[in-house]
Amino acid sequence: GTGPVCVFARDGPGSHSVVLSPSAAFMATSQRVRRGTLSYGVMGNVSGVPAGFFSEALLAHSAGGITEAMLAWGSLLLARGGKVRAAAWERDLTLRTLGYSTDNGAYYYYN
């Protein structure tokens, strides 16, 4: 599959940013950058595609920086899939009440 591509200005947190990714056929879509050109298409190891196959791309923009652009991109993908955004901790009992976070022991190693 192909992950999202984020392009942003280096003006700081409030800069313009765009996120581009597939929005369908995630596991069959590939991206390639060659000589400054970004290309999307069907992965090279696919020997054939069924009739009616399609691939789509999604572009999200924000003038509020990378984080806002990624959130906008995620919201568009969720809406396309008919889903709503909900924080994992709100719907998971163990994260709400029994959760425990650690830094993989680094504090205990150094102290």
Protein backbone atom coordinates (compact mmCIF):
# COMPACT_ATOMS: atom_id res chain seq x y z
CA GLY A 1 0.00 0.00 0.00
CA THR A 2 0.85 3.64 -0.05
CA GLY A 3 0.85 6.05 2.85
CA PRO A 4 -0.11 9.71 2.71
CA VAL A 5 2.24 12.33 1.30
CA CYS A 6 2.35 15.61 3.19
CA VAL A 7 3.74 18.72 1.52
CA PHE A 8 4.14 21.83 3.63
CA ALA A 9 5.71 25.27 3.67
CA ARG A 10 8.51 25.89 6.13
CA ASP A 11 6.86 29.04 7.43
CA GLY A 12 5.99 27.52 10.78
CA PRO A 13 2.95 26.04 12.52
CA GLY A 14 0.38 28.16 10.62
CA SER A 15 1.72 27.42 7.16
CA HIS A 16 -0.15 25.94 4.20
CA SER A 17 0.00 22.15 4.02
CA VAL A 18 -1.54 19.52 1.75
CA VAL A 19 -1.93 15.78 2.23
CA LEU A 20 -2.34 13.44 -0.75
CA SER A 21 -3.18 9.75 -0.56
CA PRO A 22 -5.23 7.03 -2.19
CA SER A 23 -8.86 6.99 -1.05
CA ALA A 24 -9.76 3.63 -2.62
CA ALA A 25 -7.90 0.43 -3.48
CA PHE A 26 -5.36 1.21 -0.75
CA MET A 27 -3.54 -2.10 -0.94
CA ALA A 28 -3.27 -2.09 -4.74
CA THR A 29 -2.11 1.51 -5.12
CA SER A 30 1.52 2.46 -5.34
CA GLN A 31 3.32 5.77 -5.41
CA ARG A 32 6.61 6.67 -6.95
CA VAL A 33 8.74 9.77 -7.00
CA ARG A 34 11.09 10.02 -9.93
CA ARG A 35 12.87 13.14 -11.18
CA GLY A 36 10.66 15.34 -9.02
CA THR A 37 7.37 13.81 -10.23
CA LEU A 38 4.99 11.99 -7.92
CA SER A 39 3.04 9.23 -9.68
CA TYR A 40 0.24 6.95 -8.47
CA GLY A 41 -0.90 3.72 -10.06
CA VAL A 42 -1.55 0.04 -9.60
CA MET A 43 1.33 -1.83 -7.94
CA GLY A 44 3.72 -3.47 -10.36
CA ASN A 45 3.18 -7.01 -9.10
CA VAL A 46 -0.56 -6.93 -9.93
CA SER A 47 -1.08 -9.20 -12.93
CA GLY A 48 -4.58 -8.00 -13.76
CA VAL A 49 -7.48 -5.95 -12.50
CA PRO A 50 -11.15 -6.89 -12.55
CA ALA A 51 -13.70 -5.04 -14.65
CA GLY A 52 -14.93 -1.97 -12.80
CA PHE A 53 -11.72 -1.55 -10.80
CA PHE A 54 -10.94 2.03 -9.89
CA SER A 55 -8.46 3.95 -7.83
CA GLU A 56 -9.01 7.39 -6.36
CA ALA A 57 -6.83 9.98 -4.73
CA LEU A 58 -7.72 12.38 -1.95
CA LEU A 59 -6.21 15.82 -1.42
CA ALA A 60 -6.70 17.72 1.84
CA HIS A 61 -5.50 21.29 2.41
CA SER A 62 -5.08 23.42 5.50
CA ALA A 63 -3.72 26.89 6.11
CA GLY A 64 -3.18 25.90 9.76
CA GLY A 65 -0.11 23.71 9.39
CA ILE A 66 0.67 20.01 9.10
CA THR A 67 -1.39 18.81 12.05
CA GLU A 68 -4.56 20.49 10.79
CA ALA A 69 -3.95 19.15 7.28
CA MET A 70 -3.55 15.59 8.61
CA LEU A 71 -6.72 15.95 10.70
CA ALA A 72 -8.60 17.28 7.65
CA TRP A 73 -7.31 14.35 5.58
CA GLY A 74 -8.40 11.88 8.25
CA SER A 75 -11.83 13.49 8.48
CA LEU A 76 -12.29 13.23 4.71
CA LEU A 77 -11.32 9.54 4.72
CA LEU A 78 -13.65 8.86 7.65
CA ALA A 79 -16.53 10.67 5.91
CA ARG A 80 -15.86 8.75 2.69
CA GLY A 81 -16.13 5.50 4.65
CA GLY A 82 -19.26 6.62 6.51
CA LYS A 83 -17.51 6.64 9.89
CA VAL A 84 -17.23 9.18 12.67
CA ARG A 85 -14.14 10.23 14.54
CA ALA A 86 -14.06 9.00 18.11
CA ALA A 87 -11.07 8.92 20.39
CA ALA A 88 -9.95 5.39 21.23
CA TRP A 89 -9.81 6.15 24.94
CA GLU A 90 -13.49 7.18 24.94
CA ARG A 91 -14.72 3.80 23.70
CA ASP A 92 -12.19 1.46 25.29
CA LEU A 93 -12.77 0.56 28.95
CA THR A 94 -9.14 -0.38 29.58
CA LEU A 95 -7.81 2.90 28.21
CA ARG A 96 -10.42 4.90 30.15
CA THR A 97 -9.93 3.24 33.51
CA LEU A 98 -7.07 0.74 33.56
CA GLY A 99 -4.61 2.28 31.13
CA TYR A 100 -0.96 2.67 31.98
CA SER A 101 1.61 4.55 29.98
CA THR A 102 5.36 4.16 30.07
CA ASP A 103 8.35 5.37 28.11
CA ASN A 104 9.57 1.81 27.60
CA GLY A 105 11.59 1.93 30.79
CA ALA A 106 13.92 4.76 29.83
CA TYR A 107 13.23 6.68 33.05
CA TYR A 108 14.02 3.65 35.17
CA TYR A 109 17.14 2.88 33.14
CA TYR A 110 18.62 6.34 33.58
CA ASN A 111 17.48 6.99 37.17
